[in-house]
């Protein structure tokens, strides 16, 4: 039996899709129990309820922020997480191998499990795919890695647990992407020439890094701000039991 936690506070598209979702679940015989977040009960409260009732599969219905919140709460748990994406990013849909309601329901029926590593930001927020730092104008930043420090300016940074361009997932590693790097730091010019040059710009693979900026700068998960800089990002060794489609990319 599945316990569906529907995002009801931010995602209006979920409410529009809910009647159809209930009909499709009934047709496929995977109805389970459906609950919706509200001002009195958030996703964490509802997850606790589902676990107390003994459900072995929790299904997140919503966007990136909702899905990643539940993923973090289920980290290292024997309970599996299923996903029905609504207004979710392409990267997250690619991770589970579903891009519409029918594909998501098919994956839930088959219940193929993949162990997927997560990453965290300051130990406060978890992410399956990637987080971004964006600005309209080039912004100075300092990226602190294990062996060196990079001082530069850019309009966009992606820190990926799952490569948003290829779908590749490297256990224990994050990938740091920089767009339009305008001020490389000294000897790192040589280092960058050794790194494959993607359309997005420079990339560096690392288990952890810290980003500092002169003024607090927002870090986004999907469309939602989760923290501000300075912020530390870390790839975790713990994994999540994720329900995926049979055709999903697997590199974990």
Foldseek 3Di string as FASTA:
>chain_A
DEEEEEEDPPDPVRVVCVVVLQVVCVVVVNNHHYDYDDPVHHPVNSVVVVVVVPAQEYEYEEEQQRQQVVQVVCWQHSRAYQYAYDLYDPLVCLQQVHDHRVQSVVLVVVQDWDWAWWKDKQVQTIGRFKKKFADPDWFWKWKFAPPDIWTWTAGMKIWTCQPSVPRDHDALKIKIFGAPTDDTDPPCVVVQVVADQDPRGGIDIHQKIWMAGPDWTFMGRNNDTDGTPRMIMGTDNITHTYRHGPPHDDDD
